[in-house]
Amino acid sequence: MSTETIPWDQPATMIDLEGRAPIIGTIRDCAMHFALYKPHARDHARVLLTVPVHRPGRKTRTWILDPAEIAELADRLARETN
């Protein structure tokens, strides 16, 4: 899946599978926080989207980004801000 098409200002919520308080904001906010997380926290992070995205090989779109996809967003943010 390519995260390049997800706009930075799209509302989103970052959740933690261990039950920490969610971060409610934008995709940019979620990517910025994810970049600051320690590896253990990154493994348990997920982003809930307000607009589902297509994943190759799936018939339906998804509302959740996994850690690898959030890492793509954090890398994209770092490239765009440097």
PDB file of N, CA and C in Angstrom:
ATOM      1  N   MET A   1       0.837  -1.176   0.000  1.00  0.00           N
ATOM      2  CA  MET A   1       0.000   0.000   0.000  1.00  0.00           C
ATOM      3  C   MET A   1       0.884   1.241   0.000  1.00  0.00           C
ATOM      4  N   SER A   2       0.504   2.208  -0.749  1.00  0.00           N
ATOM      5  CA  SER A   2       1.239   3.462  -0.766  1.00  0.00           C
ATOM      6  C   SER A   2       0.529   4.483   0.118  1.00  0.00           C
ATOM      7  N   THR A   3       1.271   5.053   1.027  1.00  0.00           N
ATOM      8  CA  THR A   3       0.700   6.077   1.904  1.00  0.00           C
ATOM      9  C   THR A   3       0.852   7.468   1.302  1.00  0.00           C
ATOM     10  N   GLU A   4       1.444   7.552   0.110  1.00  0.00           N
ATOM     11  CA  GLU A   4       1.683   8.844  -0.537  1.00  0.00           C
ATOM     12  C   GLU A   4       0.390   9.594  -0.852  1.00  0.00           C
ATOM     13  N   THR A   5      -0.700   8.887  -1.008  1.00  0.00           N
ATOM     14  CA  THR A   5      -1.960   9.539  -1.392  1.00  0.00           C
ATOM     15  C   THR A   5      -2.768  10.026  -0.191  1.00  0.00           C
ATOM     16  N   ILE A   6      -2.333   9.704   1.014  1.00  0.00           N
ATOM     17  CA  ILE A   6      -3.068  10.140   2.205  1.00  0.00           C
ATOM     18  C   ILE A   6      -2.674  11.583   2.511  1.00  0.00           C
ATOM     19  N   PRO A   7      -3.636  12.508   2.507  1.00  0.00           N
ATOM     20  CA  PRO A   7      -3.306  13.916   2.767  1.00  0.00           C
ATOM     21  C   PRO A   7      -2.945  14.151   4.232  1.00  0.00           C
ATOM     22  N   TRP A   8      -2.014  15.062   4.449  1.00  0.00           N
ATOM     23  CA  TRP A   8      -1.546  15.367   5.806  1.00  0.00           C
ATOM     24  C   TRP A   8      -2.654  15.909   6.703  1.00  0.00           C
ATOM     25  N   ASP A   9      -3.617  16.596   6.137  1.00  0.00           N
ATOM     26  CA  ASP A   9      -4.648  17.213   6.966  1.00  0.00           C
ATOM     27  C   ASP A   9      -5.870  16.324   7.210  1.00  0.00           C
ATOM     28  N   GLN A  10      -5.804  15.076   6.744  1.00  0.00           N
ATOM     29  CA  GLN A  10      -6.926  14.152   6.983  1.00  0.00           C
ATOM     30  C   GLN A  10      -7.021  13.841   8.478  1.00  0.00           C
ATOM     31  N   PRO A  11      -8.201  13.979   9.074  1.00  0.00           N
ATOM     32  CA  PRO A  11      -8.362  13.621  10.482  1.00  0.00           C
ATOM     33  C   PRO A  11      -8.065  12.134  10.704  1.00  0.00           C
ATOM     34  N   ALA A  12      -7.432  11.847  11.828  1.00  0.00           N
ATOM     35  CA  ALA A  12      -7.074  10.462  12.154  1.00  0.00           C
ATOM     36  C   ALA A  12      -6.896  10.338  13.661  1.00  0.00           C
ATOM     37  N   THR A  13      -6.863   9.104  14.124  1.00  0.00           N
ATOM     38  CA  THR A  13      -6.644   8.822  15.542  1.00  0.00           C
ATOM     39  C   THR A  13      -5.586   7.743  15.665  1.00  0.00           C
ATOM     40  N   MET A  14      -4.535   8.028  16.438  1.00  0.00           N
ATOM     41  CA  MET A  14      -3.537   7.002  16.704  1.00  0.00           C
ATOM     42  C   MET A  14      -3.907   6.311  18.006  1.00  0.00           C
ATOM     43  N   ILE A  15      -3.982   4.988  17.931  1.00  0.00           N
ATOM     44  CA  ILE A  15      -4.295   4.203  19.118  1.00  0.00           C
ATOM     45  C   ILE A  15      -3.105   3.322  19.445  1.00  0.00           C
ATOM     46  N   ASP A  16      -3.111   2.833  20.653  1.00  0.00           N
ATOM     47  CA  ASP A  16      -2.061   1.962  21.146  1.00  0.00           C
ATOM     48  C   ASP A  16      -2.729   0.686  21.628  1.00  0.00           C
ATOM     49  N   LEU A  17      -2.275  -0.447  21.165  1.00  0.00           N
ATOM     50  CA  LEU A  17      -2.911  -1.707  21.530  1.00  0.00           C
ATOM     51  C   LEU A  17      -2.730  -2.055  22.998  1.00  0.00           C
ATOM     52  N   GLU A  18      -1.868  -1.307  23.700  1.00  0.00           N
ATOM     53  CA  GLU A  18      -1.673  -1.552  25.124  1.00  0.00           C
ATOM     54  C   GLU A  18      -2.571  -0.663  25.987  1.00  0.00           C
ATOM     55  N   GLY A  19      -3.394   0.171  25.366  1.00  0.00           N
ATOM     56  CA  GLY A  19      -4.384   0.935  26.106  1.00  0.00           C
ATOM     57  C   GLY A  19      -3.997   2.339  26.513  1.00  0.00           C
ATOM     58  N   ARG A  20      -2.907   2.889  25.977  1.00  0.00           N
ATOM     59  CA  ARG A  20      -2.570   4.281  26.292  1.00  0.00           C
ATOM     60  C   ARG A  20      -3.597   5.207  25.655  1.00  0.00           C
ATOM     61  N   ALA A  21      -3.615   6.451  26.114  1.00  0.00           N
ATOM     62  CA  ALA A  21      -4.578   7.425  25.590  1.00  0.00           C
ATOM     63  C   ALA A  21      -4.353   7.644  24.094  1.00  0.00           C
ATOM     64  N   PRO A  22      -5.421   7.731  23.299  1.00  0.00           N
ATOM     65  CA  PRO A  22      -5.274   7.949  21.856  1.00  0.00           C
ATOM     66  C   PRO A  22      -4.837   9.381  21.544  1.00  0.00           C
ATOM     67  N   ILE A  23      -4.267   9.550  20.378  1.00  0.00           N
ATOM     68  CA  ILE A  23      -3.914  10.874  19.868  1.00  0.00           C
ATOM     69  C   ILE A  23      -4.907  11.181  18.767  1.00  0.00           C
ATOM     70  N   ILE A  24      -5.727  12.191  18.968  1.00  0.00           N
ATOM     71  CA  ILE A  24      -6.734  12.575  17.990  1.00  0.00           C
ATOM     72  C   ILE A  24      -6.244  13.841  17.309  1.00  0.00           C
ATOM     73  N   GLY A  25      -6.092  13.772  15.995  1.00  0.00           N
ATOM     74  CA  GLY A  25      -5.578  14.920  15.249  1.00  0.00           C
ATOM     75  C   GLY A  25      -5.631  14.650  13.762  1.00  0.00           C
ATOM     76  N   THR A  26      -4.508  14.892  13.102  1.00  0.00           N
ATOM     77  CA  THR A  26      -4.406  14.669  11.660  1.00  0.00           C
ATOM     78  C   THR A  26      -3.365  13.583  11.392  1.00  0.00           C
ATOM     79  N   ILE A  27      -3.294  13.169  10.149  1.00  0.00           N
ATOM     80  CA  ILE A  27      -2.269  12.205   9.751  1.00  0.00           C
ATOM     81  C   ILE A  27      -0.884  12.754  10.096  1.00  0.00           C
ATOM     82  N   ARG A  28      -0.659  14.054   9.858  1.00  0.00           N
ATOM     83  CA  ARG A  28       0.625  14.678  10.193  1.00  0.00           C
ATOM     84  C   ARG A  28       0.926  14.526  11.686  1.00  0.00           C
ATOM     85  N   ASP A  29      -0.062  14.809  12.536  1.00  0.00           N
ATOM     86  CA  ASP A  29       0.128  14.677  13.983  1.00  0.00           C
ATOM     87  C   ASP A  29       0.517  13.247  14.356  1.00  0.00           C
ATOM     88  N   CYS A  30      -0.167  12.296  13.760  1.00  0.00           N
ATOM     89  CA  CYS A  30       0.111  10.889  14.055  1.00  0.00           C
ATOM     90  C   CYS A  30       1.523  10.501  13.616  1.00  0.00           C
ATOM     91  N   ALA A  31       1.932  10.941  12.430  1.00  0.00           N
ATOM     92  CA  ALA A  31       3.268  10.632  11.926  1.00  0.00           C
ATOM     93  C   ALA A  31       4.343  11.268  12.804  1.00  0.00           C
ATOM     94  N   MET A  32       4.100  12.506  13.250  1.00  0.00           N
ATOM     95  CA  MET A  32       5.071  13.185  14.109  1.00  0.00           C
ATOM     96  C   MET A  32       5.233  12.449  15.441  1.00  0.00           C
ATOM     97  N   HIS A  33       4.133  12.039  16.043  1.00  0.00           N
ATOM     98  CA  HIS A  33       4.209  11.312  17.310  1.00  0.00           C
ATOM     99  C   HIS A  33       4.861   9.948  17.126  1.00  0.00           C
ATOM    100  N   PHE A  34       4.520   9.265  16.053  1.00  0.00           N
ATOM    101  CA  PHE A  34       5.085   7.945  15.789  1.00  0.00           C
ATOM    102  C   PHE A  34       6.602   8.021  15.680  1.00  0.00           C
ATOM    103  N   ALA A  35       7.112   9.069  15.043  1.00  0.00           N
ATOM    104  CA  ALA A  35       8.558   9.228  14.885  1.00  0.00           C
ATOM    105  C   ALA A  35       9.258   9.360  16.230  1.00  0.00           C
ATOM    106  N   LEU A  36       8.557   9.816  17.248  1.00  0.00           N
ATOM    107  CA  LEU A  36       9.147   9.991  18.580  1.00  0.00           C
ATOM    108  C   LEU A  36       9.033   8.739  19.452  1.00  0.00           C
ATOM    109  N   TYR A  37       8.218   7.802  19.055  1.00  0.00           N
ATOM    110  CA  TYR A  37       7.993   6.599  19.856  1.00  0.00           C
ATOM    111  C   TYR A  37       9.233   5.717  19.919  1.00  0.00           C
ATOM    112  N   LYS A  38       9.355   4.983  21.018  1.00  0.00           N
ATOM    113  CA  LYS A  38      10.383   3.957  21.156  1.00  0.00           C
ATOM    114  C   LYS A  38       9.904   2.732  20.374  1.00  0.00           C
ATOM    115  N   PRO A  39      10.827   1.832  20.010  1.00  0.00           N
ATOM    116  CA  PRO A  39      10.446   0.661  19.190  1.00  0.00           C
ATOM    117  C   PRO A  39       9.266  -0.137  19.741  1.00  0.00           C
ATOM    118  N   HIS A  40       9.214  -0.356  21.039  1.00  0.00           N
ATOM    119  CA  HIS A  40       8.112  -1.137  21.613  1.00  0.00           C
ATOM    120  C   HIS A  40       6.772  -0.438  21.374  1.00  0.00           C
ATOM    121  N   ALA A  41       6.740   0.872  21.563  1.00  0.00           N
ATOM    122  CA  ALA A  41       5.502   1.626  21.349  1.00  0.00           C
ATOM    123  C   ALA A  41       5.116   1.628  19.873  1.00  0.00           C
ATOM    124  N   ARG A  42       6.106   1.696  18.987  1.00  0.00           N
ATOM    125  CA  ARG A  42       5.814   1.661  17.544  1.00  0.00           C
ATOM    126  C   ARG A  42       5.135   0.351  17.156  1.00  0.00           C
ATOM    127  N   ASP A  43       5.601  -0.749  17.742  1.00  0.00           N
ATOM    128  CA  ASP A  43       5.024  -2.060  17.428  1.00  0.00           C
ATOM    129  C   ASP A  43       3.553  -2.158  17.795  1.00  0.00           C
ATOM    130  N   HIS A  44       3.112  -1.344  18.756  1.00  0.00           N
ATOM    131  CA  HIS A  44       1.738  -1.420  19.244  1.00  0.00           C
ATOM    132  C   HIS A  44       0.853  -0.279  18.754  1.00  0.00           C
ATOM    133  N   ALA A  45       1.388   0.568  17.886  1.00  0.00           N
ATOM    134  CA  ALA A  45       0.625   1.722  17.387  1.00  0.00           C
ATOM    135  C   ALA A  45      -0.191   1.343  16.152  1.00  0.00           C
ATOM    136  N   ARG A  46      -1.359   1.933  16.050  1.00  0.00           N
ATOM    137  CA  ARG A  46      -2.209   1.811  14.870  1.00  0.00           C
ATOM    138  C   ARG A  46      -2.845   3.177  14.632  1.00  0.00           C
ATOM    139  N   VAL A  47      -3.166   3.469  13.369  1.00  0.00           N
ATOM    140  CA  VAL A  47      -3.857   4.711  13.048  1.00  0.00           C
ATOM    141  C   VAL A  47      -5.220   4.361  12.463  1.00  0.00           C
ATOM    142  N   LEU A  48      -6.250   4.946  13.054  1.00  0.00           N
ATOM    143  CA  LEU A  48      -7.608   4.803  12.540  1.00  0.00           C
ATOM    144  C   LEU A  48      -7.868   5.974  11.603  1.00  0.00           C
ATOM    145  N   LEU A  49      -8.241   5.669  10.380  1.00  0.00           N
ATOM    146  CA  LEU A  49      -8.468   6.688   9.363  1.00  0.00           C
ATOM    147  C   LEU A  49      -9.923   7.124   9.316  1.00  0.00           C
ATOM    148  N   THR A  50     -10.167   8.309   8.782  1.00  0.00           N
ATOM    149  CA  THR A  50     -11.539   8.753   8.554  1.00  0.00           C
ATOM    150  C   THR A  50     -11.968   8.480   7.116  1.00  0.00           C
ATOM    151  N   VAL A  51     -10.989   8.204   6.251  1.00  0.00           N
ATOM    152  CA  VAL A  51     -11.254   7.831   4.858  1.00  0.00           C
ATOM    153  C   VAL A  51     -10.483   6.534   4.604  1.00  0.00           C
ATOM    154  N   PRO A  52     -11.165   5.442   4.293  1.00  0.00           N
ATOM    155  CA  PRO A  52     -10.460   4.174   4.103  1.00  0.00           C
ATOM    156  C   PRO A  52      -9.562   4.198   2.866  1.00  0.00           C
ATOM    157  N   VAL A  53      -8.528   3.348   2.894  1.00  0.00           N
ATOM    158  CA  VAL A  53      -7.583   3.271   1.778  1.00  0.00           C
ATOM    159  C   VAL A  53      -7.623   1.874   1.165  1.00  0.00           C
ATOM    160  N   HIS A  54      -7.301   1.814  -0.113  1.00  0.00           N
ATOM    161  CA  HIS A  54      -7.259   0.547  -0.834  1.00  0.00           C
ATOM    162  C   HIS A  54      -5.932  -0.149  -0.569  1.00  0.00           C
ATOM    163  N   ARG A  55      -5.998  -1.448  -0.426  1.00  0.00           N
ATOM    164  CA  ARG A  55      -4.787  -2.268  -0.303  1.00  0.00           C
ATOM    165  C   ARG A  55      -4.796  -3.276  -1.438  1.00  0.00           C
ATOM    166  N   PRO A  56      -3.676  -3.388  -2.152  1.00  0.00           N
ATOM    167  CA  PRO A  56      -3.594  -4.380  -3.236  1.00  0.00           C
ATOM    168  C   PRO A  56      -3.906  -5.786  -2.714  1.00  0.00           C
ATOM    169  N   GLY A  57      -4.662  -6.528  -3.497  1.00  0.00           N
ATOM    170  CA  GLY A  57      -4.997  -7.894  -3.143  1.00  0.00           C
ATOM    171  C   GLY A  57      -6.208  -8.038  -2.230  1.00  0.00           C
ATOM    172  N   ARG A  58      -6.797  -6.928  -1.824  1.00  0.00           N
ATOM    173  CA  ARG A  58      -7.987  -6.984  -0.966  1.00  0.00           C
ATOM    174  C   ARG A  58      -9.182  -6.419  -1.703  1.00  0.00           C
ATOM    175  N   LYS A  59     -10.329  -7.011  -1.492  1.00  0.00           N
ATOM    176  CA  LYS A  59     -11.544  -6.550  -2.141  1.00  0.00           C
ATOM    177  C   LYS A  59     -12.103  -5.301  -1.477  1.00  0.00           C
ATOM    178  N   THR A  60     -11.857  -5.147  -0.189  1.00  0.00           N
ATOM    179  CA  THR A  60     -12.398  -4.005   0.538  1.00  0.00           C
ATOM    180  C   THR A  60     -11.278  -3.060   0.969  1.00  0.00           C
ATOM    181  N   ARG A  61     -11.654  -1.824   1.213  1.00  0.00           N
ATOM    182  CA  ARG A  61     -10.685  -0.858   1.708  1.00  0.00           C
ATOM    183  C   ARG A  61     -10.561  -1.010   3.224  1.00  0.00           C
ATOM    184  N   THR A  62      -9.508  -0.459   3.778  1.00  0.00           N
ATOM    185  CA  THR A  62      -9.266  -0.603   5.206  1.00  0.00           C
ATOM    186  C   THR A  62      -9.259   0.746   5.913  1.00  0.00           C
ATOM    187  N   TRP A  63      -9.604   0.714   7.172  1.00  0.00           N
ATOM    188  CA  TRP A  63      -9.671   1.916   8.003  1.00  0.00           C
ATOM    189  C   TRP A  63      -8.483   2.021   8.960  1.00  0.00           C
ATOM    190  N   ILE A  64      -7.599   1.030   8.953  1.00  0.00           N
ATOM    191  CA  ILE A  64      -6.508   0.983   9.925  1.00  0.00           C
ATOM    192  C   ILE A  64      -5.161   0.889   9.217  1.00  0.00           C
ATOM    193  N   LEU A  65      -4.194   1.696   9.696  1.00  0.00           N
ATOM    194  CA  LEU A  65      -2.812   1.602   9.223  1.00  0.00           C
ATOM    195  C   LEU A  65      -2.005   0.859  10.278  1.00  0.00           C
ATOM    196  N   ASP A  66      -1.174  -0.061   9.815  1.00  0.00           N
ATOM    197  CA  ASP A  66      -0.300  -0.828  10.685  1.00  0.00           C
ATOM    198  C   ASP A  66       1.023  -0.094  10.896  1.00  0.00           C
ATOM    199  N   PRO A  67       1.859  -0.561  11.836  1.00  0.00           N
ATOM    200  CA  PRO A  67       3.113   0.134  12.135  1.00  0.00           C
ATOM    201  C   PRO A  67       4.012   0.394  10.918  1.00  0.00           C
ATOM    202  N   ALA A  68       4.135  -0.551  10.012  1.00  0.00           N
ATOM    203  CA  ALA A  68       4.994  -0.347   8.833  1.00  0.00           C
ATOM    204  C   ALA A  68       4.470   0.796   7.968  1.00  0.00           C
ATOM    205  N   GLU A  69       3.159   0.911   7.864  1.00  0.00           N
ATOM    206  CA  GLU A  69       2.559   1.983   7.072  1.00  0.00           C
ATOM    207  C   GLU A  69       2.689   3.333   7.773  1.00  0.00           C
ATOM    208  N   ILE A  70       2.583   3.330   9.089  1.00  0.00           N
ATOM    209  CA  ILE A  70       2.772   4.579   9.836  1.00  0.00           C
ATOM    210  C   ILE A  70       4.236   5.014   9.705  1.00  0.00           C
ATOM    211  N   ALA A  71       5.153   4.049   9.704  1.00  0.00           N
ATOM    212  CA  ALA A  71       6.571   4.361   9.517  1.00  0.00           C
ATOM    213  C   ALA A  71       6.801   5.003   8.148  1.00  0.00           C
ATOM    214  N   GLU A  72       6.084   4.527   7.109  1.00  0.00           N
ATOM    215  CA  GLU A  72       6.169   5.153   5.782  1.00  0.00           C
ATOM    216  C   GLU A  72       5.754   6.622   5.859  1.00  0.00           C
ATOM    217  N   LEU A  73       4.687   6.888   6.600  1.00  0.00           N
ATOM    218  CA  LEU A  73       4.232   8.273   6.755  1.00  0.00           C
ATOM    219  C   LEU A  73       5.269   9.110   7.493  1.00  0.00           C
ATOM    220  N   ALA A  74       5.872   8.555   8.546  1.00  0.00           N
ATOM    221  CA  ALA A  74       6.896   9.290   9.297  1.00  0.00           C
ATOM    222  C   ALA A  74       8.104   9.577   8.411  1.00  0.00           C
ATOM    223  N   ASP A  75       8.497   8.616   7.581  1.00  0.00           N
ATOM    224  CA  ASP A  75       9.612   8.828   6.636  1.00  0.00           C
ATOM    225  C   ASP A  75       9.258   9.895   5.611  1.00  0.00           C
ATOM    226  N   ARG A  76       8.044   9.847   5.104  1.00  0.00           N
ATOM    227  CA  ARG A  76       7.579  10.849   4.142  1.00  0.00           C
ATOM    228  C   ARG A  76       7.591  12.240   4.765  1.00  0.00           C
ATOM    229  N   LEU A  77       7.129  12.337   6.003  1.00  0.00           N
ATOM    230  CA  LEU A  77       7.130  13.627   6.692  1.00  0.00           C
ATOM    231  C   LEU A  77       8.560  14.152   6.864  1.00  0.00           C
ATOM    232  N   ALA A  78       9.480  13.278   7.227  1.00  0.00           N
ATOM    233  CA  ALA A  78      10.880  13.691   7.388  1.00  0.00           C
ATOM    234  C   ALA A  78      11.465  14.170   6.059  1.00  0.00           C
ATOM    235  N   ARG A  79      11.155  13.483   4.975  1.00  0.00           N
ATOM    236  CA  ARG A  79      11.654  13.900   3.638  1.00  0.00           C
ATOM    237  C   ARG A  79      11.087  15.258   3.250  1.00  0.00           C
ATOM    238  N   GLU A  80       9.807  15.454   3.498  1.00  0.00           N
ATOM    239  CA  GLU A  80       9.140  16.691   3.075  1.00  0.00           C
ATOM    240  C   GLU A  80       9.497  17.902   3.935  1.00  0.00           C
ATOM    241  N   THR A  81       9.929  17.664   5.158  1.00  0.00           N
ATOM    242  CA  THR A  81      10.250  18.784   6.040  1.00  0.00           C
ATOM    243  C   THR A  81      11.743  19.139   6.018  1.00  0.00           C
ATOM    244  N   ASN A  82      12.550  18.332   5.368  1.00  0.00           N
ATOM    245  CA  ASN A  82      14.000  18.622   5.273  1.00  0.00           C
ATOM    246  C   ASN A  82      14.341  19.309   3.985  1.00  0.00           C
TER     247      ASN A  82
END
